[in-house]
C-alpha atoms as a PDB file:
ATOM      1  CA  MET A   1      21.237  26.220   4.714  1.00  0.00           C
ATOM      2  CA  LEU A   2      18.116  24.252   5.580  1.00  0.00           C
ATOM      3  CA  SER A   3      18.417  20.759   7.027  1.00  0.00           C
ATOM      4  CA  ILE A   4      16.108  17.766   7.401  1.00  0.00           C
ATOM      5  CA  ASN A   5      16.730  14.617   9.408  1.00  0.00           C
ATOM      6  CA  LEU A   6      15.258  11.603   7.634  1.00  0.00           C
ATOM      7  CA  LEU A   7      16.966   8.924   9.710  1.00  0.00           C
ATOM      8  CA  GLY A   8      14.541   6.055  10.207  1.00  0.00           C
ATOM      9  CA  VAL A   9      12.268   7.239   7.373  1.00  0.00           C
ATOM     10  CA  LYS A  10      11.667   4.484   4.815  1.00  0.00           C
ATOM     11  CA  CYS A  11      11.612   4.684   1.021  1.00  0.00           C
ATOM     12  CA  PRO A  12       9.853   6.276  -0.780  1.00  0.00           C
ATOM     13  CA  PHE A  13       8.825   8.663   2.007  1.00  0.00           C
ATOM     14  CA  ASN A  14      12.370  10.007   2.473  1.00  0.00           C
ATOM     15  CA  TYR A  15      12.478  11.008  -1.205  1.00  0.00           C
ATOM     16  CA  VAL A  16       8.981  12.531  -1.056  1.00  0.00           C
ATOM     17  CA  LYS A  17       9.883  14.604   2.026  1.00  0.00           C
ATOM     18  CA  THR A  18      13.122  15.764   0.376  1.00  0.00           C
ATOM     19  CA  LYS A  19      11.286  16.722  -2.814  1.00  0.00           C
ATOM     20  CA  LEU A  20       8.575  18.626  -0.903  1.00  0.00           C
ATOM     21  CA  LYS A  21      11.215  20.553   1.054  1.00  0.00           C
ATOM     22  CA  LEU A  22      13.059  21.456  -2.165  1.00  0.00           C
ATOM     23  CA  GLU A  23       9.801  22.747  -3.671  1.00  0.00           C
ATOM     24  CA  THR A  24       9.612  25.373  -0.890  1.00  0.00           C
ATOM     25  CA  MET A  25      13.150  26.622  -1.593  1.00  0.00           C
ATOM     26  CA  GLU A  26      14.545  29.112  -4.092  1.00  0.00           C
ATOM     27  CA  ARG A  27      16.906  28.116  -6.912  1.00  0.00           C
ATOM     28  CA  GLY A  28      20.535  27.996  -5.835  1.00  0.00           C
ATOM     29  CA  HIS A  29      19.737  27.321  -2.173  1.00  0.00           C
ATOM     30  CA  ARG A  30      21.115  24.206  -0.524  1.00  0.00           C
ATOM     31  CA  LEU A  31      19.493  21.517   1.582  1.00  0.00           C
ATOM     32  CA  GLU A  32      21.296  19.187   3.999  1.00  0.00           C
ATOM     33  CA  VAL A  33      19.624  15.781   4.328  1.00  0.00           C
ATOM     34  CA  LEU A  34      20.487  13.015   6.805  1.00  0.00           C
ATOM     35  CA  LEU A  35      19.770   9.540   5.426  1.00  0.00           C
ATOM     36  CA  ASP A  36      20.188   5.943   6.550  1.00  0.00           C
ATOM     37  CA  ASP A  37      22.564   3.520   4.848  1.00  0.00           C
ATOM     38  CA  GLY A  38      21.085   1.052   2.343  1.00  0.00           C
ATOM     39  CA  GLU A  39      18.126   1.909   0.112  1.00  0.00           C
ATOM     40  CA  PRO A  40      17.781   5.551   1.244  1.00  0.00           C
ATOM     41  CA  ILE A  41      21.336   6.566   0.291  1.00  0.00           C
ATOM     42  CA  LYS A  42      21.053   4.691  -3.010  1.00  0.00           C
ATOM     43  CA  ASN A  43      17.632   5.986  -4.040  1.00  0.00           C
ATOM     44  CA  VAL A  44      17.280   9.561  -2.760  1.00  0.00           C
ATOM     45  CA  PRO A  45      20.418  11.051  -4.405  1.00  0.00           C
ATOM     46  CA  ARG A  46      19.631   9.309  -7.703  1.00  0.00           C
ATOM     47  CA  SER A  47      16.003  10.471  -7.698  1.00  0.00           C
ATOM     48  CA  ILE A  48      16.932  14.046  -6.789  1.00  0.00           C
ATOM     49  CA  GLN A  49      19.475  14.165  -9.622  1.00  0.00           C
ATOM     50  CA  ASN A  50      16.870  12.714 -12.003  1.00  0.00           C
ATOM     51  CA  ASP A  51      14.672  15.668 -10.987  1.00  0.00           C
ATOM     52  CA  GLY A  52      17.468  17.971 -12.191  1.00  0.00           C
ATOM     53  CA  HIS A  53      18.919  19.059  -8.845  1.00  0.00           C
ATOM     54  CA  LYS A  54      22.644  19.008  -8.060  1.00  0.00           C
ATOM     55  CA  LEU A  55      24.158  16.615  -5.519  1.00  0.00           C
ATOM     56  CA  VAL A  56      26.901  18.786  -3.998  1.00  0.00           C
ATOM     57  CA  SER A  57      28.292  16.270  -1.502  1.00  0.00           C
ATOM     58  CA  GLN A  58      27.674  12.888   0.083  1.00  0.00           C
ATOM     59  CA  ASP A  59      29.499  12.014   3.302  1.00  0.00           C
ATOM     60  CA  LYS A  60      29.274   8.934   5.508  1.00  0.00           C
ATOM     61  CA  ILE A  61      29.003   9.799   9.202  1.00  0.00           C
ATOM     62  CA  ASN A  62      29.155   6.702  11.417  1.00  0.00           C
ATOM     63  CA  ASP A  63      26.143   4.598  10.356  1.00  0.00           C
ATOM     64  CA  HIS A  64      24.323   7.210   8.259  1.00  0.00           C
ATOM     65  CA  TYR A  65      24.930   9.733   5.478  1.00  0.00           C
ATOM     66  CA  LYS A  66      24.752  13.493   5.070  1.00  0.00           C
ATOM     67  CA  ILE A  67      24.035  14.786   1.587  1.00  0.00           C
ATOM     68  CA  ILE A  68      23.944  18.369   0.370  1.00  0.00           C
ATOM     69  CA  ILE A  69      21.578  19.162  -2.501  1.00  0.00           C
ATOM     70  CA  GLU A  70      21.488  22.399  -4.483  1.00  0.00           C
ATOM     71  CA  LYS A  71      18.108  23.292  -5.937  1.00  0.00           C
ATOM     72  CA  VAL A  72      18.359  23.944  -9.661  1.00  0.00           C
END
């Protein structure tokens, strides 16, 4: 599974970087993304799902979040 650390990356750049990474992946592969609390964890999962991808999990780890996305 690929992983990207977007802690400290502001909106909308965290979504753009996630989307660009997903574009390089094959269908069915998963991407782990680390995101800050606040706008990033609200906006990125919603935008990715609006693009048609599957949000597999979303876990809070201390002061940030780890999400797993499956490319559809």
